[in-house]
Amino acid sequence: MENRPASNYPWLARKWVCHIGRGGEAVSFEFHSGRHAAWMCAHVVMTCGNFDPLHPGHCDLLWQAKHMGTCLIVGVDDDEAVRRQKGTGRPYLGQEERLALVAGLEWVDAVYLQHGGSSEPWLCNVHPGIFVKGGDRTVNEIPETPWCHRLGIELRVVERELPFSSRAIVGRVTR
């Protein structure tokens, strides 16, 4: 149950929630309501991130990613990973809230909670055709690059179309 968002987000009943064992074993997909179903998709695109706070730049990245394939699976970093990457006082929203916000976007087909900030088990088990990251990093700075190369997954870096960044938003709010 640890990968399930809080049940007080009714739109999640119609969204896929992905599950993977901590040891990296097989992935299962089910509706948040608990109804298990076969999930088939020809052109899977994956991405992941903190989404803390979720902003229009993230929405644009996810929208662009969705249009690279037929199904978009999005990983949301757990609270521990966000704290480790962003420092004390973070995340602003807990993992369940961030997962619910991302799942609420109509172009997101499935969400998963990414433990420890590592996409490796997801890339290995789901094996998407494309893995997408935002243009705030170069390919060499993206931790998933070696796994994408090793697994034959196309890595695409999407340039920022909207002038939003979490850092800038947080800076404005804390001034």
N, C-alpha and C. Protein backbone atom coordinates (compact mmCIF):
# COMPACT_ATOMS: atom_id res chain seq x y z
N MET A 1 0.81 -1.20 0.00
CA MET A 1 0.00 0.00 0.00
C MET A 1 0.85 1.26 0.00
N GLU A 2 2.14 1.16 0.20
CA GLU A 2 2.97 2.34 0.32
C GLU A 2 3.02 3.18 -0.95
N ASN A 3 2.73 2.62 -2.10
CA ASN A 3 2.76 3.38 -3.34
C ASN A 3 1.42 4.03 -3.66
N ARG A 4 0.43 3.85 -2.81
CA ARG A 4 -0.89 4.41 -3.07
C ARG A 4 -1.01 5.80 -2.48
N PRO A 5 -1.53 6.73 -3.27
CA PRO A 5 -1.78 8.06 -2.72
C PRO A 5 -2.95 8.03 -1.74
N ALA A 6 -3.09 9.09 -0.99
CA ALA A 6 -4.20 9.19 -0.04
C ALA A 6 -5.52 9.04 -0.78
N SER A 7 -6.49 8.38 -0.15
CA SER A 7 -7.76 8.07 -0.81
C SER A 7 -8.71 9.25 -0.87
N ASN A 8 -8.37 10.38 -0.31
CA ASN A 8 -9.28 11.52 -0.35
C ASN A 8 -9.10 12.36 -1.61
N TYR A 9 -8.53 11.79 -2.66
CA TYR A 9 -8.41 12.44 -3.96
C TYR A 9 -9.24 11.63 -4.94
N PRO A 10 -10.51 12.00 -5.14
CA PRO A 10 -11.43 11.16 -5.90
C PRO A 10 -11.01 10.92 -7.35
N TRP A 11 -10.28 11.83 -7.97
CA TRP A 11 -9.89 11.63 -9.37
C TRP A 11 -8.91 10.47 -9.52
N LEU A 12 -8.28 10.04 -8.44
CA LEU A 12 -7.34 8.92 -8.52
C LEU A 12 -8.05 7.60 -8.77
N ALA A 13 -9.33 7.53 -8.51
CA ALA A 13 -10.07 6.27 -8.73
C ALA A 13 -10.03 5.87 -10.20
N ARG A 14 -9.82 6.85 -11.10
CA ARG A 14 -9.78 6.55 -12.52
C ARG A 14 -8.36 6.56 -13.07
N LYS A 15 -7.35 6.67 -12.23
CA LYS A 15 -5.96 6.71 -12.68
C LYS A 15 -5.25 5.41 -12.34
N TRP A 16 -4.29 5.06 -13.15
CA TRP A 16 -3.45 3.91 -12.88
C TRP A 16 -2.43 4.28 -11.83
N VAL A 17 -2.20 3.39 -10.90
CA VAL A 17 -1.13 3.54 -9.92
C VAL A 17 -0.23 2.33 -10.11
N CYS A 18 1.05 2.58 -10.26
CA CYS A 18 2.01 1.52 -10.52
C CYS A 18 2.65 1.08 -9.22
N HIS A 19 2.96 -0.21 -9.13
CA HIS A 19 3.58 -0.75 -7.93
C HIS A 19 4.80 -1.57 -8.33
N ILE A 20 5.83 -1.48 -7.53
CA ILE A 20 7.03 -2.29 -7.74
C ILE A 20 7.57 -2.64 -6.36
N GLY A 21 8.10 -3.82 -6.22
CA GLY A 21 8.66 -4.22 -4.95
C GLY A 21 9.94 -3.48 -4.65
N ARG A 22 10.29 -3.34 -3.39
CA ARG A 22 11.51 -2.63 -3.02
C ARG A 22 12.76 -3.30 -3.59
N GLY A 23 12.68 -4.59 -3.87
CA GLY A 23 13.81 -5.28 -4.46
C GLY A 23 13.90 -5.13 -5.96
N GLY A 24 12.98 -4.38 -6.56
CA GLY A 24 13.00 -4.14 -7.99
C GLY A 24 12.26 -5.19 -8.80
N GLU A 25 11.48 -6.06 -8.13
CA GLU A 25 10.76 -7.09 -8.87
C GLU A 25 9.58 -6.51 -9.64
N ALA A 26 8.88 -7.33 -10.32
CA ALA A 26 7.87 -6.98 -11.33
C ALA A 26 6.96 -5.83 -10.97
N VAL A 27 6.56 -5.13 -12.00
CA VAL A 27 5.66 -4.00 -11.89
C VAL A 27 4.23 -4.49 -12.08
N SER A 28 3.30 -3.95 -11.32
CA SER A 28 1.89 -4.21 -11.57
C SER A 28 1.19 -2.87 -11.68
N PHE A 29 0.14 -2.85 -12.45
CA PHE A 29 -0.64 -1.64 -12.64
C PHE A 29 -2.06 -1.94 -12.19
N GLU A 30 -2.65 -1.03 -11.45
CA GLU A 30 -4.04 -1.19 -11.05
C GLU A 30 -4.65 0.18 -10.90
N PHE A 31 -5.96 0.21 -10.98
CA PHE A 31 -6.63 1.46 -10.68
C PHE A 31 -6.47 1.72 -9.21
N HIS A 32 -6.41 2.98 -8.83
CA HIS A 32 -6.26 3.33 -7.43
C HIS A 32 -7.39 2.73 -6.60
N SER A 33 -8.52 2.52 -7.21
CA SER A 33 -9.65 1.94 -6.49
C SER A 33 -9.37 0.48 -6.09
N GLY A 34 -8.27 -0.09 -6.61
CA GLY A 34 -7.90 -1.45 -6.24
C GLY A 34 -8.22 -2.47 -7.31
N ARG A 35 -8.97 -2.08 -8.33
CA ARG A 35 -9.33 -3.02 -9.39
C ARG A 35 -8.11 -3.22 -10.29
N HIS A 36 -7.59 -4.43 -10.32
CA HIS A 36 -6.42 -4.75 -11.12
C HIS A 36 -6.85 -4.96 -12.56
N ALA A 37 -6.03 -4.53 -13.49
CA ALA A 37 -6.38 -4.71 -14.89
C ALA A 37 -5.10 -4.83 -15.71
N ALA A 38 -5.22 -5.45 -16.85
CA ALA A 38 -4.09 -5.52 -17.77
C ALA A 38 -3.86 -4.13 -18.35
N TRP A 39 -2.62 -3.74 -18.46
CA TRP A 39 -2.29 -2.41 -18.96
C TRP A 39 -1.37 -2.58 -20.13
N MET A 40 -1.87 -2.29 -21.31
CA MET A 40 -1.09 -2.48 -22.52
C MET A 40 -0.99 -1.13 -23.22
N CYS A 41 0.17 -0.86 -23.74
CA CYS A 41 0.37 0.41 -24.42
C CYS A 41 1.51 0.24 -25.41
N ALA A 42 1.32 0.73 -26.60
CA ALA A 42 2.31 0.53 -27.66
C ALA A 42 3.55 1.40 -27.47
N HIS A 43 3.38 2.66 -27.15
CA HIS A 43 4.51 3.59 -27.08
C HIS A 43 4.55 4.27 -25.72
N VAL A 44 5.27 3.68 -24.78
CA VAL A 44 5.32 4.18 -23.41
C VAL A 44 6.41 5.24 -23.29
N VAL A 45 6.05 6.34 -22.66
CA VAL A 45 6.98 7.42 -22.33
C VAL A 45 6.99 7.54 -20.82
N MET A 46 8.18 7.69 -20.24
CA MET A 46 8.30 7.86 -18.79
C MET A 46 9.08 9.13 -18.48
N THR A 47 8.80 9.68 -17.33
CA THR A 47 9.58 10.76 -16.76
C THR A 47 9.40 10.70 -15.25
N CYS A 48 10.17 11.51 -14.54
CA CYS A 48 10.05 11.53 -13.08
C CYS A 48 10.57 12.86 -12.56
N GLY A 49 10.26 13.14 -11.30
CA GLY A 49 10.75 14.36 -10.69
C GLY A 49 10.17 14.58 -9.31
N ASN A 50 10.58 15.70 -8.71
CA ASN A 50 10.11 16.07 -7.38
C ASN A 50 8.71 16.66 -7.43
N PHE A 51 8.48 17.53 -8.39
CA PHE A 51 7.20 18.23 -8.54
C PHE A 51 6.84 18.95 -7.24
N ASP A 52 7.84 19.63 -6.69
CA ASP A 52 7.67 20.32 -5.40
C ASP A 52 8.21 21.74 -5.49
N PRO A 53 7.39 22.70 -5.79
CA PRO A 53 5.97 22.63 -6.07
C PRO A 53 5.71 22.35 -7.56
N LEU A 54 4.57 21.73 -7.85
CA LEU A 54 4.14 21.52 -9.23
C LEU A 54 3.80 22.89 -9.82
N HIS A 55 4.31 23.18 -11.02
CA HIS A 55 4.08 24.49 -11.64
C HIS A 55 3.84 24.33 -13.14
N PRO A 56 3.46 25.40 -13.84
CA PRO A 56 3.17 25.30 -15.27
C PRO A 56 4.32 24.75 -16.11
N GLY A 57 5.55 24.97 -15.71
CA GLY A 57 6.69 24.39 -16.43
C GLY A 57 6.67 22.87 -16.39
N HIS A 58 6.33 22.30 -15.22
CA HIS A 58 6.18 20.85 -15.11
C HIS A 58 5.03 20.37 -16.01
N CYS A 59 3.90 21.09 -15.95
CA CYS A 59 2.74 20.70 -16.75
C CYS A 59 3.10 20.69 -18.23
N ASP A 60 3.85 21.68 -18.69
CA ASP A 60 4.27 21.75 -20.08
C ASP A 60 5.19 20.58 -20.43
N LEU A 61 6.14 20.27 -19.56
CA LEU A 61 7.04 19.13 -19.78
C LEU A 61 6.23 17.84 -19.92
N LEU A 62 5.28 17.63 -19.02
CA LEU A 62 4.46 16.42 -19.05
C LEU A 62 3.57 16.38 -20.29
N TRP A 63 3.05 17.51 -20.69
CA TRP A 63 2.22 17.58 -21.88
C TRP A 63 3.05 17.22 -23.12
N GLN A 64 4.26 17.80 -23.20
CA GLN A 64 5.14 17.48 -24.32
C GLN A 64 5.52 16.00 -24.32
N ALA A 65 5.81 15.46 -23.14
CA ALA A 65 6.18 14.04 -23.02
C ALA A 65 5.04 13.15 -23.49
N LYS A 66 3.82 13.46 -23.12
CA LYS A 66 2.66 12.66 -23.52
C LYS A 66 2.56 12.59 -25.04
N HIS A 67 2.89 13.67 -25.72
CA HIS A 67 2.77 13.71 -27.17
C HIS A 67 3.94 13.03 -27.90
N MET A 68 4.85 12.45 -27.15
CA MET A 68 5.94 11.66 -27.74
C MET A 68 5.56 10.19 -27.86
N GLY A 69 4.44 9.80 -27.26
CA GLY A 69 4.01 8.41 -27.28
C GLY A 69 2.52 8.33 -27.06
N THR A 70 2.05 7.14 -26.66
CA THR A 70 0.62 6.98 -26.42
C THR A 70 0.28 6.90 -24.94
N CYS A 71 1.23 6.53 -24.09
CA CYS A 71 0.99 6.44 -22.65
C CYS A 71 2.12 7.14 -21.90
N LEU A 72 1.77 7.94 -20.92
CA LEU A 72 2.76 8.64 -20.11
C LEU A 72 2.70 8.13 -18.68
N ILE A 73 3.83 7.62 -18.21
CA ILE A 73 3.98 7.15 -16.83
C ILE A 73 4.92 8.12 -16.13
N VAL A 74 4.48 8.64 -14.97
CA VAL A 74 5.25 9.67 -14.26
C VAL A 74 5.60 9.19 -12.86
N GLY A 75 6.88 9.25 -12.53
CA GLY A 75 7.35 8.94 -11.19
C GLY A 75 7.46 10.20 -10.36
N VAL A 76 6.99 10.14 -9.13
CA VAL A 76 7.08 11.25 -8.20
C VAL A 76 8.00 10.82 -7.06
N ASP A 77 9.06 11.60 -6.83
CA ASP A 77 10.02 11.26 -5.78
C ASP A 77 9.37 11.26 -4.41
N ASP A 78 9.77 10.30 -3.58
CA ASP A 78 9.24 10.25 -2.22
C ASP A 78 9.83 11.39 -1.39
N ASP A 79 9.24 11.63 -0.22
CA ASP A 79 9.66 12.75 0.63
C ASP A 79 11.14 12.69 0.99
N GLU A 80 11.63 11.50 1.28
CA GLU A 80 13.04 11.34 1.65
C GLU A 80 13.97 11.81 0.53
N ALA A 81 13.65 11.44 -0.70
CA ALA A 81 14.48 11.85 -1.85
C ALA A 81 14.44 13.37 -2.04
N VAL A 82 13.28 13.97 -1.87
CA VAL A 82 13.16 15.42 -2.01
C VAL A 82 13.99 16.12 -0.95
N ARG A 83 13.91 15.66 0.29
CA ARG A 83 14.71 16.25 1.37
C ARG A 83 16.20 16.15 1.07
N ARG A 84 16.62 14.99 0.58
CA ARG A 84 18.03 14.77 0.28
C ARG A 84 18.50 15.69 -0.87
N GLN A 85 17.65 15.88 -1.86
CA GLN A 85 18.03 16.70 -3.02
C GLN A 85 17.87 18.19 -2.78
N LYS A 86 16.83 18.58 -2.04
CA LYS A 86 16.48 20.00 -1.91
C LYS A 86 16.81 20.62 -0.57
N GLY A 87 17.05 19.78 0.45
CA GLY A 87 17.44 20.31 1.76
C GLY A 87 16.31 20.34 2.77
N THR A 88 16.66 20.86 3.95
CA THR A 88 15.69 20.91 5.04
C THR A 88 14.53 21.83 4.68
N GLY A 89 13.39 21.55 5.26
CA GLY A 89 12.21 22.34 4.97
C GLY A 89 11.45 21.86 3.74
N ARG A 90 11.99 20.90 3.05
CA ARG A 90 11.33 20.36 1.85
C ARG A 90 10.95 18.92 2.13
N PRO A 91 9.98 18.40 1.51
CA PRO A 91 9.14 19.02 0.50
C PRO A 91 8.09 19.94 1.10
N TYR A 92 7.56 20.83 0.27
CA TYR A 92 6.48 21.71 0.71
C TYR A 92 5.17 20.94 0.78
N LEU A 93 4.98 20.04 -0.16
CA LEU A 93 3.82 19.16 -0.16
C LEU A 93 4.32 17.74 -0.01
N GLY A 94 3.61 16.92 0.76
CA GLY A 94 4.00 15.53 0.96
C GLY A 94 3.86 14.71 -0.32
N GLN A 95 4.44 13.52 -0.28
CA GLN A 95 4.45 12.67 -1.48
C GLN A 95 3.05 12.31 -1.96
N GLU A 96 2.12 12.10 -1.05
CA GLU A 96 0.76 11.76 -1.46
C GLU A 96 0.09 12.92 -2.19
N GLU A 97 0.30 14.14 -1.70
CA GLU A 97 -0.28 15.31 -2.34
C GLU A 97 0.35 15.55 -3.72
N ARG A 98 1.67 15.43 -3.81
CA ARG A 98 2.34 15.63 -5.10
C ARG A 98 1.94 14.55 -6.10
N LEU A 99 1.81 13.32 -5.63
CA LEU A 99 1.36 12.23 -6.49
C LEU A 99 -0.06 12.50 -7.00
N ALA A 100 -0.92 12.98 -6.12
CA ALA A 100 -2.30 13.29 -6.50
C ALA A 100 -2.37 14.43 -7.51
N LEU A 101 -1.55 15.46 -7.32
CA LEU A 101 -1.55 16.58 -8.25
C LEU A 101 -1.11 16.15 -9.65
N VAL A 102 -0.03 15.38 -9.73
CA VAL A 102 0.46 14.90 -11.02
C VAL A 102 -0.59 13.99 -11.67
N ALA A 103 -1.18 13.10 -10.89
CA ALA A 103 -2.20 12.19 -11.42
C ALA A 103 -3.43 12.95 -11.90
N GLY A 104 -3.68 14.12 -11.34
CA GLY A 104 -4.84 14.91 -11.74
C GLY A 104 -4.74 15.52 -13.12
N LEU A 105 -3.55 15.51 -13.71
CA LEU A 105 -3.39 16.05 -15.06
C LEU A 105 -3.93 15.04 -16.06
N GLU A 106 -4.80 15.48 -16.94
CA GLU A 106 -5.48 14.54 -17.84
C GLU A 106 -4.55 13.82 -18.78
N TRP A 107 -3.40 14.35 -19.10
CA TRP A 107 -2.49 13.69 -20.04
C TRP A 107 -1.53 12.72 -19.36
N VAL A 108 -1.62 12.59 -18.05
CA VAL A 108 -0.82 11.60 -17.32
C VAL A 108 -1.66 10.33 -17.20
N ASP A 109 -1.12 9.21 -17.72
CA ASP A 109 -1.86 7.95 -17.71
C ASP A 109 -1.63 7.12 -16.46
N ALA A 110 -0.43 7.20 -15.88
CA ALA A 110 -0.11 6.41 -14.70
C ALA A 110 0.92 7.14 -13.87
N VAL A 111 0.87 6.91 -12.57
CA VAL A 111 1.83 7.53 -11.65
C VAL A 111 2.43 6.44 -10.76
N TYR A 112 3.61 6.72 -10.26
CA TYR A 112 4.22 5.83 -9.27
C TYR A 112 5.05 6.65 -8.31
N LEU A 113 5.18 6.14 -7.10
CA LEU A 113 6.01 6.77 -6.09
C LEU A 113 7.40 6.19 -6.22
N GLN A 114 8.36 7.06 -6.44
CA GLN A 114 9.74 6.65 -6.67
C GLN A 114 10.52 6.73 -5.36
N HIS A 115 10.84 5.57 -4.82
CA HIS A 115 11.55 5.51 -3.54
C HIS A 115 13.03 5.79 -3.73
N GLY A 116 13.57 6.68 -2.90
CA GLY A 116 15.00 6.96 -2.91
C GLY A 116 15.48 7.74 -4.11
N GLY A 117 14.57 8.23 -4.95
CA GLY A 117 14.97 9.04 -6.09
C GLY A 117 15.58 8.26 -7.24
N SER A 118 15.46 6.94 -7.24
CA SER A 118 16.06 6.13 -8.29
C SER A 118 15.02 5.62 -9.28
N SER A 119 15.27 5.88 -10.56
CA SER A 119 14.38 5.39 -11.62
C SER A 119 14.81 4.02 -12.13
N GLU A 120 15.95 3.55 -11.70
CA GLU A 120 16.51 2.30 -12.22
C GLU A 120 15.53 1.12 -12.23
N PRO A 121 14.87 0.78 -11.11
CA PRO A 121 13.96 -0.37 -11.16
C PRO A 121 12.80 -0.16 -12.13
N TRP A 122 12.34 1.07 -12.25
CA TRP A 122 11.23 1.36 -13.16
C TRP A 122 11.66 1.24 -14.60
N LEU A 123 12.82 1.78 -14.92
CA LEU A 123 13.32 1.69 -16.30
C LEU A 123 13.53 0.22 -16.69
N CYS A 124 14.08 -0.57 -15.77
CA CYS A 124 14.35 -1.98 -16.04
C CYS A 124 13.07 -2.79 -16.20
N ASN A 125 12.05 -2.51 -15.41
CA ASN A 125 10.83 -3.30 -15.43
C ASN A 125 9.81 -2.83 -16.47
N VAL A 126 9.64 -1.54 -16.60
CA VAL A 126 8.66 -1.02 -17.55
C VAL A 126 9.27 -0.97 -18.96
N HIS A 127 10.54 -0.63 -19.03
CA HIS A 127 11.29 -0.52 -20.28
C HIS A 127 10.53 0.33 -21.30
N PRO A 128 10.38 1.63 -21.00
CA PRO A 128 9.66 2.52 -21.92
C PRO A 128 10.47 2.72 -23.20
N GLY A 129 9.82 3.19 -24.23
CA GLY A 129 10.54 3.51 -25.46
C GLY A 129 11.32 4.80 -25.32
N ILE A 130 10.76 5.73 -24.52
CA ILE A 130 11.36 7.06 -24.35
C ILE A 130 11.35 7.44 -22.88
N PHE A 131 12.46 8.02 -22.41
CA PHE A 131 12.54 8.60 -21.08
C PHE A 131 12.82 10.09 -21.27
N VAL A 132 12.02 10.94 -20.62
CA VAL A 132 12.09 12.38 -20.84
C VAL A 132 12.50 13.10 -19.55
N LYS A 133 13.36 14.11 -19.70
CA LYS A 133 13.71 14.99 -18.58
C LYS A 133 13.64 16.42 -19.07
N GLY A 134 13.49 17.35 -18.12
CA GLY A 134 13.40 18.77 -18.45
C GLY A 134 14.75 19.35 -18.85
N GLY A 135 14.71 20.46 -19.56
CA GLY A 135 15.91 21.08 -20.10
C GLY A 135 16.76 21.85 -19.12
N ASP A 136 16.53 21.68 -17.82
CA ASP A 136 17.38 22.36 -16.84
C ASP A 136 18.67 21.59 -16.57
N ARG A 137 18.86 20.47 -17.26
CA ARG A 137 20.08 19.66 -17.12
C ARG A 137 20.55 19.22 -18.50
N THR A 138 21.84 18.90 -18.58
CA THR A 138 22.36 18.30 -19.81
C THR A 138 22.24 16.79 -19.68
N VAL A 139 22.36 16.08 -20.79
CA VAL A 139 22.26 14.62 -20.78
C VAL A 139 23.25 14.02 -19.78
N ASN A 140 24.45 14.57 -19.69
CA ASN A 140 25.47 14.04 -18.77
C ASN A 140 25.13 14.26 -17.31
N GLU A 141 24.23 15.20 -17.01
CA GLU A 141 23.83 15.47 -15.63
C GLU A 141 22.61 14.67 -15.19
N ILE A 142 22.02 13.95 -16.10
CA ILE A 142 20.81 13.18 -15.80
C ILE A 142 21.22 11.81 -15.28
N PRO A 143 20.87 11.48 -14.02
CA PRO A 143 21.30 10.22 -13.42
C PRO A 143 20.85 8.97 -14.18
N GLU A 144 19.76 9.06 -14.91
CA GLU A 144 19.22 7.91 -15.64
C GLU A 144 19.94 7.63 -16.97
N THR A 145 20.82 8.53 -17.40
CA THR A 145 21.48 8.39 -18.71
C THR A 145 22.15 7.03 -18.90
N PRO A 146 22.98 6.55 -17.95
CA PRO A 146 23.62 5.24 -18.17
C PRO A 146 22.62 4.10 -18.32
N TRP A 147 21.53 4.15 -17.54
CA TRP A 147 20.53 3.09 -17.62
C TRP A 147 19.80 3.13 -18.95
N CYS A 148 19.48 4.33 -19.42
CA CYS A 148 18.81 4.45 -20.72
C CYS A 148 19.70 3.88 -21.83
N HIS A 149 20.98 4.23 -21.81
CA HIS A 149 21.91 3.71 -22.82
C HIS A 149 22.01 2.19 -22.74
N ARG A 150 22.15 1.68 -21.53
CA ARG A 150 22.30 0.24 -21.32
C ARG A 150 21.07 -0.53 -21.78
N LEU A 151 19.89 0.04 -21.56
CA LEU A 151 18.63 -0.65 -21.87
C LEU A 151 18.09 -0.32 -23.27
N GLY A 152 18.76 0.56 -23.99
CA GLY A 152 18.29 0.93 -25.32
C GLY A 152 17.06 1.82 -25.30
N ILE A 153 16.92 2.61 -24.25
CA ILE A 153 15.78 3.54 -24.12
C ILE A 153 16.22 4.91 -24.63
N GLU A 154 15.42 5.49 -25.50
CA GLU A 154 15.75 6.81 -26.02
C GLU A 154 15.57 7.85 -24.91
N LEU A 155 16.58 8.67 -24.70
CA LEU A 155 16.55 9.73 -23.69
C LEU A 155 16.36 11.05 -24.42
N ARG A 156 15.32 11.77 -24.05
CA ARG A 156 15.06 13.08 -24.66
C ARG A 156 15.05 14.15 -23.58
N VAL A 157 15.72 15.25 -23.87
CA VAL A 157 15.72 16.41 -22.98
C VAL A 157 14.83 17.46 -23.63
N VAL A 158 13.79 17.87 -22.92
CA VAL A 158 12.82 18.83 -23.43
C VAL A 158 13.22 20.22 -22.97
N GLU A 159 13.39 21.09 -23.93
CA GLU A 159 13.73 22.47 -23.59
C GLU A 159 12.54 23.17 -22.94
N ARG A 160 12.85 24.04 -22.02
CA ARG A 160 11.83 24.77 -21.28
C ARG A 160 11.13 25.77 -22.20
N GLU A 161 9.82 25.63 -22.33
CA GLU A 161 9.03 26.54 -23.17
C GLU A 161 8.43 27.66 -22.33
N LEU A 162 8.19 27.38 -21.05
CA LEU A 162 7.60 28.37 -20.16
C LEU A 162 8.64 28.79 -19.12
N PRO A 163 8.64 30.07 -18.74
CA PRO A 163 9.67 30.58 -17.83
C PRO A 163 9.39 30.29 -16.35
N PHE A 164 9.26 29.01 -16.02
CA PHE A 164 8.98 28.64 -14.63
C PHE A 164 10.05 27.70 -14.14
N SER A 165 10.42 27.83 -12.88
CA SER A 165 11.28 26.86 -12.22
C SER A 165 10.88 26.83 -10.75
N SER A 166 11.03 25.67 -10.14
CA SER A 166 10.70 25.55 -8.72
C SER A 166 11.55 26.51 -7.90
N ARG A 167 12.83 26.61 -8.24
CA ARG A 167 13.75 27.48 -7.50
C ARG A 167 13.28 28.94 -7.53
N ALA A 168 12.86 29.42 -8.71
CA ALA A 168 12.40 30.80 -8.84
C ALA A 168 11.10 31.02 -8.06
N ILE A 169 10.19 30.06 -8.12
CA ILE A 169 8.92 30.19 -7.41
C ILE A 169 9.17 30.24 -5.90
N VAL A 170 9.99 29.32 -5.42
CA VAL A 170 10.32 29.28 -3.99
C VAL A 170 10.99 30.58 -3.57
N GLY A 171 11.88 31.10 -4.40
CA GLY A 171 12.56 32.36 -4.10
C GLY A 171 11.58 33.51 -3.98
N ARG A 172 10.61 33.58 -4.88
CA ARG A 172 9.59 34.65 -4.84
C ARG A 172 8.74 34.53 -3.59
N VAL A 173 8.35 33.33 -3.24
CA VAL A 173 7.46 33.12 -2.09
C VAL A 173 8.17 33.42 -0.78
N THR A 174 9.44 33.13 -0.67
CA THR A 174 10.17 33.29 0.60
C THR A 174 10.76 34.67 0.78
N ARG A 175 10.66 35.55 -0.22
CA ARG A 175 11.19 36.91 -0.08
C ARG A 175 10.40 37.72 0.90
